[in-house]
PDB file of all heavy atoms in Angstrom:
ATOM      1  N   ASP A   1       0.749  -1.236   0.013  1.00  0.00           N
ATOM      2  CA  ASP A   1       0.005  -0.027  -0.031  1.00  0.00           C
ATOM      3  C   ASP A   1       0.835   1.294  -0.033  1.00  0.00           C
ATOM      4  O   ASP A   1       0.317   2.338   0.125  1.00  0.00           O
ATOM      5  CB  ASP A   1      -0.925  -0.017   1.179  1.00  0.00           C
ATOM      6  CG  ASP A   1      -0.278  -0.134   2.531  1.00  0.00           C
ATOM      7  OD1 ASP A   1       0.979  -0.503   2.554  1.00  0.00           O
ATOM      8  OD2 ASP A   1      -0.849   0.091   3.609  1.00  0.00           O
ATOM      9  N   GLU A   2       2.087   1.111  -0.176  1.00  0.00           N
ATOM     10  CA  GLU A   2       3.042   2.340  -0.137  1.00  0.00           C
ATOM     11  C   GLU A   2       3.199   2.783  -1.613  1.00  0.00           C
ATOM     12  O   GLU A   2       3.313   2.032  -2.521  1.00  0.00           O
ATOM     13  CB  GLU A   2       4.395   1.894   0.442  1.00  0.00           C
ATOM     14  CG  GLU A   2       4.420   1.468   1.818  1.00  0.00           C
ATOM     15  CD  GLU A   2       4.008   2.576   2.830  1.00  0.00           C
ATOM     16  OE1 GLU A   2       4.236   3.741   2.466  1.00  0.00           O
ATOM     17  OE2 GLU A   2       3.528   2.221   3.850  1.00  0.00           O
ATOM     18  N   SER A   3       3.262   4.133  -1.722  1.00  0.00           N
ATOM     19  CA  SER A   3       3.489   4.795  -3.050  1.00  0.00           C
ATOM     20  C   SER A   3       4.908   4.852  -3.393  1.00  0.00           C
ATOM     21  O   SER A   3       5.264   4.948  -4.568  1.00  0.00           O
ATOM     22  CB  SER A   3       2.870   6.201  -3.064  1.00  0.00           C
ATOM     23  OG  SER A   3       3.523   7.003  -2.114  1.00  0.00           O
ATOM     24  N   GLU A   4       5.801   4.764  -2.422  1.00  0.00           N
ATOM     25  CA  GLU A   4       7.248   4.913  -2.684  1.00  0.00           C
ATOM     26  C   GLU A   4       8.026   4.008  -1.685  1.00  0.00           C
ATOM     27  O   GLU A   4       7.736   3.943  -0.438  1.00  0.00           O
ATOM     28  CB  GLU A   4       7.629   6.303  -2.495  1.00  0.00           C
ATOM     29  CG  GLU A   4       9.028   6.744  -2.937  1.00  0.00           C
ATOM     30  CD  GLU A   4       9.246   8.228  -2.884  1.00  0.00           C
ATOM     31  OE1 GLU A   4       9.281   8.764  -1.823  1.00  0.00           O
ATOM     32  OE2 GLU A   4       9.345   8.714  -4.011  1.00  0.00           O
ATOM     33  N   ILE A   5       9.006   3.327  -2.202  1.00  0.00           N
ATOM     34  CA  ILE A   5       9.987   2.450  -1.437  1.00  0.00           C
ATOM     35  C   ILE A   5      11.332   2.924  -1.840  1.00  0.00           C
ATOM     36  O   ILE A   5      11.723   3.029  -2.927  1.00  0.00           O
ATOM     37  CB  ILE A   5       9.737   0.929  -1.737  1.00  0.00           C
ATOM     38  CG1 ILE A   5       8.297   0.569  -1.467  1.00  0.00           C
ATOM     39  CG2 ILE A   5      10.755   0.168  -1.041  1.00  0.00           C
ATOM     40  CD1 ILE A   5       7.949  -0.845  -1.936  1.00  0.00           C
ATOM     41  N   ILE A   6      12.107   3.148  -0.760  1.00  0.00           N
ATOM     42  CA  ILE A   6      13.538   3.577  -0.969  1.00  0.00           C
ATOM     43  C   ILE A   6      14.496   2.379  -0.592  1.00  0.00           C
ATOM     44  O   ILE A   6      14.467   1.969   0.519  1.00  0.00           O
ATOM     45  CB  ILE A   6      13.881   4.786  -0.143  1.00  0.00           C
ATOM     46  CG1 ILE A   6      12.924   5.958  -0.562  1.00  0.00           C
ATOM     47  CG2 ILE A   6      15.344   5.211  -0.399  1.00  0.00           C
ATOM     48  CD1 ILE A   6      13.029   7.217   0.242  1.00  0.00           C
ATOM     49  N   LEU A   7      15.219   1.964  -1.540  1.00  0.00           N
ATOM     50  CA  LEU A   7      16.228   0.885  -1.324  1.00  0.00           C
ATOM     51  C   LEU A   7      17.568   1.657  -1.087  1.00  0.00           C
ATOM     52  O   LEU A   7      18.091   2.451  -1.906  1.00  0.00           O
ATOM     53  CB  LEU A   7      16.394   0.058  -2.518  1.00  0.00           C
ATOM     54  CG  LEU A   7      15.020  -0.669  -2.901  1.00  0.00           C
ATOM     55  CD1 LEU A   7      15.254  -1.381  -4.297  1.00  0.00           C
ATOM     56  CD2 LEU A   7      14.666  -1.680  -1.855  1.00  0.00           C
ATOM     57  N   VAL A   8      18.172   1.413   0.104  1.00  0.00           N
ATOM     58  CA  VAL A   8      19.448   2.045   0.457  1.00  0.00           C
ATOM     59  C   VAL A   8      20.516   0.994   0.588  1.00  0.00           C
ATOM     60  O   VAL A   8      20.501   0.223   1.491  1.00  0.00           O
ATOM     61  CB  VAL A   8      19.250   2.841   1.807  1.00  0.00           C
ATOM     62  CG1 VAL A   8      20.645   3.500   2.152  1.00  0.00           C
ATOM     63  CG2 VAL A   8      18.069   3.782   1.741  1.00  0.00           C
ATOM     64  N   GLY A   9      21.431   0.970  -0.399  1.00  0.00           N
ATOM     65  CA  GLY A   9      22.533   0.045  -0.363  1.00  0.00           C
ATOM     66  C   GLY A   9      23.725   0.543   0.422  1.00  0.00           C
ATOM     67  O   GLY A   9      23.994   1.780   0.351  1.00  0.00           O
ATOM     68  N   ILE A  10      24.263  -0.324   1.187  1.00  0.00           N
ATOM     69  CA  ILE A  10      25.418   0.025   2.059  1.00  0.00           C
ATOM     70  C   ILE A  10      26.657  -0.221   1.197  1.00  0.00           C
ATOM     71  O   ILE A  10      26.938  -1.360   0.801  1.00  0.00           O
ATOM     72  CB  ILE A  10      25.504  -0.732   3.359  1.00  0.00           C
ATOM     73  CG1 ILE A  10      24.255  -0.430   4.213  1.00  0.00           C
ATOM     74  CG2 ILE A  10      26.727  -0.464   4.124  1.00  0.00           C
ATOM     75  CD1 ILE A  10      24.164  -1.255   5.475  1.00  0.00           C
ATOM     76  N   ASN A  11      27.445   0.822   0.975  1.00  0.00           N
ATOM     77  CA  ASN A  11      28.675   0.779   0.098  1.00  0.00           C
ATOM     78  C   ASN A  11      28.318   0.142  -1.192  1.00  0.00           C
ATOM     79  O   ASN A  11      27.203   0.050  -1.636  1.00  0.00           O
ATOM     80  CB  ASN A  11      29.721   0.054   0.967  1.00  0.00           C
ATOM     81  CG  ASN A  11      30.251   0.934   2.116  1.00  0.00           C
ATOM     82  OD1 ASN A  11      30.172   2.142   2.094  1.00  0.00           O
ATOM     83  ND2 ASN A  11      30.754   0.301   3.111  1.00  0.00           N
ATOM     84  N   ASN A  12      29.356  -0.320  -1.948  1.00  0.00           N
ATOM     85  CA  ASN A  12      29.241  -0.796  -3.213  1.00  0.00           C
ATOM     86  C   ASN A  12      28.549  -2.152  -3.410  1.00  0.00           C
ATOM     87  O   ASN A  12      27.622  -2.190  -4.207  1.00  0.00           O
ATOM     88  CB  ASN A  12      30.616  -0.865  -3.957  1.00  0.00           C
ATOM     89  CG  ASN A  12      31.286   0.444  -4.142  1.00  0.00           C
ATOM     90  OD1 ASN A  12      30.534   1.464  -4.227  1.00  0.00           O
ATOM     91  ND2 ASN A  12      32.558   0.517  -4.146  1.00  0.00           N
ATOM     92  N   ARG A  13      28.864  -3.057  -2.599  1.00  0.00           N
ATOM     93  CA  ARG A  13      28.182  -4.404  -2.711  1.00  0.00           C
ATOM     94  C   ARG A  13      26.718  -4.328  -2.335  1.00  0.00           C
ATOM     95  O   ARG A  13      25.865  -4.976  -2.900  1.00  0.00           O
ATOM     96  CB  ARG A  13      28.946  -5.444  -2.020  1.00  0.00           C
ATOM     97  CG  ARG A  13      30.319  -5.750  -2.747  1.00  0.00           C
ATOM     98  CD  ARG A  13      30.916  -6.969  -2.292  1.00  0.00           C
ATOM     99  NE  ARG A  13      31.538  -6.871  -0.923  1.00  0.00           N
ATOM    100  CZ  ARG A  13      32.469  -7.623  -0.480  1.00  0.00           C
ATOM    101  NH1 ARG A  13      32.836  -8.733  -1.114  1.00  0.00           N
ATOM    102  NH2 ARG A  13      32.909  -7.528   0.678  1.00  0.00           N
ATOM    103  N   GLY A  14      26.428  -3.618  -1.223  1.00  0.00           N
ATOM    104  CA  GLY A  14      24.995  -3.486  -0.827  1.00  0.00           C
ATOM    105  C   GLY A  14      24.200  -2.682  -1.918  1.00  0.00           C
ATOM    106  O   GLY A  14      23.058  -3.049  -2.165  1.00  0.00           O
ATOM    107  N   TYR A  15      24.841  -1.756  -2.492  1.00  0.00           N
ATOM    108  CA  TYR A  15      24.239  -0.944  -3.533  1.00  0.00           C
ATOM    109  C   TYR A  15      23.917  -1.859  -4.767  1.00  0.00           C
ATOM    110  O   TYR A  15      22.794  -1.715  -5.308  1.00  0.00           O
ATOM    111  CB  TYR A  15      25.070   0.226  -3.931  1.00  0.00           C
ATOM    112  CG  TYR A  15      24.388   1.134  -4.920  1.00  0.00           C
ATOM    113  CD1 TYR A  15      23.489   2.095  -4.512  1.00  0.00           C
ATOM    114  CD2 TYR A  15      24.711   1.083  -6.331  1.00  0.00           C
ATOM    115  CE1 TYR A  15      22.855   2.918  -5.490  1.00  0.00           C
ATOM    116  CE2 TYR A  15      24.094   1.915  -7.238  1.00  0.00           C
ATOM    117  CZ  TYR A  15      23.222   2.775  -6.782  1.00  0.00           C
ATOM    118  OH  TYR A  15      22.587   3.681  -7.713  1.00  0.00           O
ATOM    119  N   ARG A  16      24.844  -2.757  -5.097  1.00  0.00           N
ATOM    120  CA  ARG A  16      24.611  -3.605  -6.230  1.00  0.00           C
ATOM    121  C   ARG A  16      23.412  -4.518  -5.980  1.00  0.00           C
ATOM    122  O   ARG A  16      22.623  -4.720  -6.883  1.00  0.00           O
ATOM    123  CB  ARG A  16      25.862  -4.386  -6.540  1.00  0.00           C
ATOM    124  CG  ARG A  16      25.737  -5.364  -7.600  1.00  0.00           C
ATOM    125  CD  ARG A  16      25.490  -4.705  -8.992  1.00  0.00           C
ATOM    126  NE  ARG A  16      25.171  -5.637 -10.002  1.00  0.00           N
ATOM    127  CZ  ARG A  16      23.991  -5.692 -10.642  1.00  0.00           C
ATOM    128  NH1 ARG A  16      23.098  -4.825 -10.468  1.00  0.00           N
ATOM    129  NH2 ARG A  16      23.798  -6.695 -11.489  1.00  0.00           N
ATOM    130  N   ILE A  17      23.327  -5.082  -4.752  1.00  0.00           N
ATOM    131  CA  ILE A  17      22.163  -5.917  -4.454  1.00  0.00           C
ATOM    132  C   ILE A  17      20.850  -5.062  -4.415  1.00  0.00           C
ATOM    133  O   ILE A  17      19.837  -5.571  -4.977  1.00  0.00           O
ATOM    134  CB  ILE A  17      22.396  -6.588  -3.010  1.00  0.00           C
ATOM    135  CG1 ILE A  17      23.558  -7.552  -3.187  1.00  0.00           C
ATOM    136  CG2 ILE A  17      21.124  -7.369  -2.634  1.00  0.00           C
ATOM    137  CD1 ILE A  17      24.065  -8.127  -1.833  1.00  0.00           C
ATOM    138  N   ALA A  18      20.928  -3.861  -3.982  1.00  0.00           N
ATOM    139  CA  ALA A  18      19.757  -2.987  -4.045  1.00  0.00           C
ATOM    140  C   ALA A  18      19.286  -2.697  -5.498  1.00  0.00           C
ATOM    141  O   ALA A  18      18.116  -2.734  -5.815  1.00  0.00           O
ATOM    142  CB  ALA A  18      20.021  -1.648  -3.293  1.00  0.00           C
ATOM    143  N   GLU A  19      20.272  -2.548  -6.353  1.00  0.00           N
ATOM    144  CA  GLU A  19      19.954  -2.316  -7.774  1.00  0.00           C
ATOM    145  C   GLU A  19      19.270  -3.697  -8.290  1.00  0.00           C
ATOM    146  O   GLU A  19      18.322  -3.478  -9.177  1.00  0.00           O
ATOM    147  CB  GLU A  19      21.250  -2.176  -8.627  1.00  0.00           C
ATOM    148  CG  GLU A  19      21.894  -0.822  -8.592  1.00  0.00           C
ATOM    149  CD  GLU A  19      23.086  -0.661  -9.428  1.00  0.00           C
ATOM    150  OE1 GLU A  19      23.967  -1.618  -9.438  1.00  0.00           O
ATOM    151  OE2 GLU A  19      23.271   0.282 -10.125  1.00  0.00           O
ATOM    152  N   MET A  20      19.769  -4.758  -8.014  1.00  0.00           N
ATOM    153  CA  MET A  20      19.152  -6.038  -8.436  1.00  0.00           C
ATOM    154  C   MET A  20      17.718  -6.168  -7.941  1.00  0.00           C
ATOM    155  O   MET A  20      16.778  -6.552  -8.632  1.00  0.00           O
ATOM    156  CB  MET A  20      20.038  -7.211  -7.993  1.00  0.00           C
ATOM    157  CG  MET A  20      21.381  -7.276  -8.686  1.00  0.00           C
ATOM    158  SD  MET A  20      22.512  -8.404  -7.864  1.00  0.00           S
ATOM    159  CE  MET A  20      21.814  -9.958  -8.179  1.00  0.00           C
ATOM    160  N   LEU A  21      17.476  -5.758  -6.634  1.00  0.00           N
ATOM    161  CA  LEU A  21      16.136  -5.805  -6.078  1.00  0.00           C
ATOM    162  C   LEU A  21      15.308  -4.790  -6.857  1.00  0.00           C
ATOM    163  O   LEU A  21      14.084  -5.103  -7.207  1.00  0.00           O
ATOM    164  CB  LEU A  21      16.171  -5.419  -4.586  1.00  0.00           C
ATOM    165  CG  LEU A  21      16.755  -6.527  -3.637  1.00  0.00           C
ATOM    166  CD1 LEU A  21      17.006  -5.904  -2.317  1.00  0.00           C
ATOM    167  CD2 LEU A  21      15.729  -7.601  -3.581  1.00  0.00           C
ATOM    168  N   GLN A  22      15.756  -3.570  -7.150  1.00  0.00           N
ATOM    169  CA  GLN A  22      14.910  -2.645  -7.805  1.00  0.00           C
ATOM    170  C   GLN A  22      14.589  -3.165  -9.161  1.00  0.00           C
ATOM    171  O   GLN A  22      13.425  -2.998  -9.633  1.00  0.00           O
ATOM    172  CB  GLN A  22      15.720  -1.277  -7.881  1.00  0.00           C
ATOM    173  CG  GLN A  22      14.915  -0.233  -8.609  1.00  0.00           C
ATOM    174  CD  GLN A  22      15.645   1.081  -8.839  1.00  0.00           C
ATOM    175  OE1 GLN A  22      16.834   0.969  -9.229  1.00  0.00           O
ATOM    176  NE2 GLN A  22      15.011   2.166  -8.575  1.00  0.00           N
ATOM    177  N   ASN A  23      15.506  -3.753  -9.890  1.00  0.00           N
ATOM    178  CA  ASN A  23      15.214  -4.292 -11.253  1.00  0.00           C
ATOM    179  C   ASN A  23      14.135  -5.380 -11.194  1.00  0.00           C
ATOM    180  O   ASN A  23      13.286  -5.418 -12.043  1.00  0.00           O
ATOM    181  CB  ASN A  23      16.494  -4.838 -11.827  1.00  0.00           C
ATOM    182  CG  ASN A  23      17.456  -3.756 -12.364  1.00  0.00           C
ATOM    183  OD1 ASN A  23      17.070  -2.633 -12.533  1.00  0.00           O
ATOM    184  ND2 ASN A  23      18.717  -4.110 -12.392  1.00  0.00           N
ATOM    185  N   GLU A  24      14.228  -6.242 -10.146  1.00  0.00           N
ATOM    186  CA  GLU A  24      13.247  -7.243  -9.981  1.00  0.00           C
ATOM    187  C   GLU A  24      11.835  -6.727  -9.628  1.00  0.00           C
ATOM    188  O   GLU A  24      10.809  -7.297 -10.007  1.00  0.00           O
ATOM    189  CB  GLU A  24      13.769  -8.166  -8.896  1.00  0.00           C
ATOM    190  CG  GLU A  24      13.007  -9.532  -8.787  1.00  0.00           C
ATOM    191  CD  GLU A  24      12.980 -10.367 -10.068  1.00  0.00           C
ATOM    192  OE1 GLU A  24      14.105 -10.508 -10.622  1.00  0.00           O
ATOM    193  OE2 GLU A  24      12.008 -10.828 -10.500  1.00  0.00           O
ATOM    194  N   MET A  25      11.794  -5.622  -8.887  1.00  0.00           N
ATOM    195  CA  MET A  25      10.540  -5.015  -8.447  1.00  0.00           C
ATOM    196  C   MET A  25       9.858  -4.243  -9.527  1.00  0.00           C
ATOM    197  O   MET A  25       8.610  -4.195  -9.540  1.00  0.00           O
ATOM    198  CB  MET A  25      10.767  -4.143  -7.170  1.00  0.00           C
ATOM    199  CG  MET A  25      11.242  -4.877  -5.995  1.00  0.00           C
ATOM    200  SD  MET A  25      11.932  -3.791  -4.724  1.00  0.00           S
ATOM    201  CE  MET A  25      10.507  -2.876  -4.153  1.00  0.00           C
ATOM    202  N   GLN A  26      10.600  -3.743 -10.558  1.00  0.00           N
ATOM    203  CA  GLN A  26      10.050  -3.067 -11.676  1.00  0.00           C
ATOM    204  C   GLN A  26       9.053  -3.855 -12.382  1.00  0.00           C
ATOM    205  O   GLN A  26       9.318  -5.060 -12.662  1.00  0.00           O
ATOM    206  CB  GLN A  26      11.127  -2.504 -12.537  1.00  0.00           C
ATOM    207  CG  GLN A  26      11.865  -1.363 -11.926  1.00  0.00           C
ATOM    208  CD  GLN A  26      12.912  -0.803 -12.777  1.00  0.00           C
ATOM    209  OE1 GLN A  26      13.382  -1.430 -13.822  1.00  0.00           O
ATOM    210  NE2 GLN A  26      13.490   0.345 -12.429  1.00  0.00           N
ATOM    211  N   GLY A  27       7.868  -3.307 -12.648  1.00  0.00           N
ATOM    212  CA  GLY A  27       6.842  -4.067 -13.376  1.00  0.00           C
ATOM    213  C   GLY A  27       5.970  -4.892 -12.522  1.00  0.00           C
ATOM    214  O   GLY A  27       4.933  -5.443 -13.076  1.00  0.00           O
ATOM    215  N   LYS A  28       6.309  -5.022 -11.270  1.00  0.00           N
ATOM    216  CA  LYS A  28       5.458  -5.842 -10.373  1.00  0.00           C
ATOM    217  C   LYS A  28       4.684  -4.929  -9.448  1.00  0.00           C
ATOM    218  O   LYS A  28       3.948  -5.507  -8.616  1.00  0.00           O
ATOM    219  CB  LYS A  28       6.355  -6.759  -9.576  1.00  0.00           C
ATOM    220  CG  LYS A  28       7.042  -7.863 -10.386  1.00  0.00           C
ATOM    221  CD  LYS A  28       7.906  -8.791  -9.573  1.00  0.00           C
ATOM    222  CE  LYS A  28       8.420  -9.979 -10.345  1.00  0.00           C
ATOM    223  NZ  LYS A  28       9.372  -9.583 -11.342  1.00  0.00           N
ATOM    224  N   THR A  29       4.815  -3.664  -9.525  1.00  0.00           N
ATOM    225  CA  THR A  29       4.144  -2.821  -8.569  1.00  0.00           C
ATOM    226  C   THR A  29       3.936  -1.408  -9.223  1.00  0.00           C
ATOM    227  O   THR A  29       4.717  -1.099 -10.131  1.00  0.00           O
ATOM    228  CB  THR A  29       4.997  -2.631  -7.265  1.00  0.00           C
ATOM    229  OG1 THR A  29       4.256  -1.756  -6.326  1.00  0.00           O
ATOM    230  CG2 THR A  29       6.338  -2.015  -7.531  1.00  0.00           C
ATOM    231  N   GLU A  30       2.962  -0.682  -8.647  1.00  0.00           N
ATOM    232  CA  GLU A  30       2.916   0.698  -9.080  1.00  0.00           C
ATOM    233  C   GLU A  30       3.616   1.611  -8.186  1.00  0.00           C
ATOM    234  O   GLU A  30       3.696   2.836  -8.453  1.00  0.00           O
ATOM    235  CB  GLU A  30       1.360   1.050  -9.138  1.00  0.00           C
ATOM    236  CG  GLU A  30       0.668   0.270 -10.218  1.00  0.00           C
ATOM    237  CD  GLU A  30      -0.833   0.713 -10.330  1.00  0.00           C
ATOM    238  OE1 GLU A  30      -1.193   1.786  -9.906  1.00  0.00           O
ATOM    239  OE2 GLU A  30      -1.678  -0.023 -10.889  1.00  0.00           O
ATOM    240  N   SER A  31       4.174   1.071  -7.072  1.00  0.00           N
ATOM    241  CA  SER A  31       4.983   1.899  -6.191  1.00  0.00           C
ATOM    242  C   SER A  31       6.301   2.288  -6.870  1.00  0.00           C
ATOM    243  O   SER A  31       6.797   1.565  -7.736  1.00  0.00           O
ATOM    244  CB  SER A  31       5.406   1.015  -4.953  1.00  0.00           C
ATOM    245  OG  SER A  31       4.305   0.664  -4.255  1.00  0.00           O
ATOM    246  N   GLN A  32       6.600   3.541  -6.676  1.00  0.00           N
ATOM    247  CA  GLN A  32       7.956   3.991  -7.197  1.00  0.00           C
ATOM    248  C   GLN A  32       9.058   3.458  -6.250  1.00  0.00           C
ATOM    249  O   GLN A  32       9.022   3.506  -5.031  1.00  0.00           O
ATOM    250  CB  GLN A  32       7.976   5.556  -7.146  1.00  0.00           C
ATOM    251  CG  GLN A  32       9.308   6.125  -7.689  1.00  0.00           C
ATOM    252  CD  GLN A  32       9.238   7.666  -7.686  1.00  0.00           C
ATOM    253  OE1 GLN A  32       8.376   8.220  -7.119  1.00  0.00           O
ATOM    254  NE2 GLN A  32      10.137   8.208  -8.346  1.00  0.00           N
ATOM    255  N   THR A  33      10.156   2.892  -6.886  1.00  0.00           N
ATOM    256  CA  THR A  33      11.224   2.493  -6.115  1.00  0.00           C
ATOM    257  C   THR A  33      12.445   3.360  -6.382  1.00  0.00           C
ATOM    258  O   THR A  33      12.810   3.509  -7.557  1.00  0.00           O
ATOM    259  CB  THR A  33      11.615   1.028  -6.393  1.00  0.00           C
ATOM    260  OG1 THR A  33      11.873   0.822  -7.757  1.00  0.00           O
ATOM    261  CG2 THR A  33      10.489   0.047  -5.947  1.00  0.00           C
ATOM    262  N   LEU A  34      13.004   3.970  -5.316  1.00  0.00           N
ATOM    263  CA  LEU A  34      14.089   4.884  -5.488  1.00  0.00           C
ATOM    264  C   LEU A  34      15.300   4.082  -4.953  1.00  0.00           C
ATOM    265  O   LEU A  34      15.236   3.196  -4.058  1.00  0.00           O
ATOM    266  CB  LEU A  34      13.943   6.129  -4.752  1.00  0.00           C
ATOM    267  CG  LEU A  34      12.807   6.983  -5.163  1.00  0.00           C
ATOM    268  CD1 LEU A  34      12.654   8.298  -4.209  1.00  0.00           C
ATOM    269  CD2 LEU A  34      12.880   7.403  -6.569  1.00  0.00           C
ATOM    270  N   LEU A  35      16.486   4.498  -5.423  1.00  0.00           N
ATOM    271  CA  LEU A  35      17.714   3.785  -5.098  1.00  0.00           C
ATOM    272  C   LEU A  35      18.745   4.800  -4.651  1.00  0.00           C
ATOM    273  O   LEU A  35      18.950   5.874  -5.254  1.00  0.00           O
ATOM    274  CB  LEU A  35      18.237   3.094  -6.310  1.00  0.00           C
ATOM    275  CG  LEU A  35      19.484   2.150  -6.158  1.00  0.00           C
ATOM    276  CD1 LEU A  35      19.248   1.023  -5.173  1.00  0.00           C
ATOM    277  CD2 LEU A  35      19.823   1.576  -7.552  1.00  0.00           C
ATOM    278  N   THR A  36      19.356   4.545  -3.498  1.00  0.00           N
ATOM    279  CA  THR A  36      20.423   5.433  -2.994  1.00  0.00           C
ATOM    280  C   THR A  36      21.514   4.541  -2.301  1.00  0.00           C
ATOM    281  O   THR A  36      21.307   3.403  -2.147  1.00  0.00           O
ATOM    282  CB  THR A  36      19.961   6.604  -2.150  1.00  0.00           C
ATOM    283  OG1 THR A  36      20.999   7.543  -1.921  1.00  0.00           O
ATOM    284  CG2 THR A  36      19.399   6.123  -0.824  1.00  0.00           C
ATOM    285  N   ARG A  37      22.555   5.189  -1.872  1.00  0.00           N
ATOM    286  CA  ARG A  37      23.655   4.513  -1.197  1.00  0.00           C
ATOM    287  C   ARG A  37      24.046   5.251   0.076  1.00  0.00           C
ATOM    288  O   ARG A  37      24.069   6.418   0.135  1.00  0.00           O
ATOM    289  CB  ARG A  37      24.813   4.462  -2.216  1.00  0.00           C
ATOM    290  CG  ARG A  37      26.091   3.804  -1.637  1.00  0.00           C
ATOM    291  CD  ARG A  37      27.246   3.851  -2.572  1.00  0.00           C
ATOM    292  NE  ARG A  37      27.003   4.220  -3.935  1.00  0.00           N
ATOM    293  CZ  ARG A  37      27.259   3.533  -5.089  1.00  0.00           C
ATOM    294  NH1 ARG A  37      27.787   2.324  -4.914  1.00  0.00           N
ATOM    295  NH2 ARG A  37      26.954   3.947  -6.224  1.00  0.00           N
ATOM    296  N   ILE A  38      24.512   4.370   0.972  1.00  0.00           N
ATOM    297  CA  ILE A  38      25.127   4.919   2.207  1.00  0.00           C
ATOM    298  C   ILE A  38      26.594   4.512   2.137  1.00  0.00           C
ATOM    299  O   ILE A  38      26.925   3.332   1.899  1.00  0.00           O
ATOM    300  CB  ILE A  38      24.539   4.290   3.530  1.00  0.00           C
ATOM    301  CG1 ILE A  38      23.175   4.940   3.758  1.00  0.00           C
ATOM    302  CG2 ILE A  38      25.450   4.566   4.699  1.00  0.00           C
ATOM    303  CD1 ILE A  38      22.513   4.316   5.075  1.00  0.00           C
TER     304      ILE A  38
END
């Protein structure tokens, strides 16, 4: 029921996994998924 989900990857490897999650989520939801890094 969320309109926006933010995926926050920790450093490079966490960010890469977050990217993979975002790619997998696209097309399966109307929620916007944003990606950033810590």
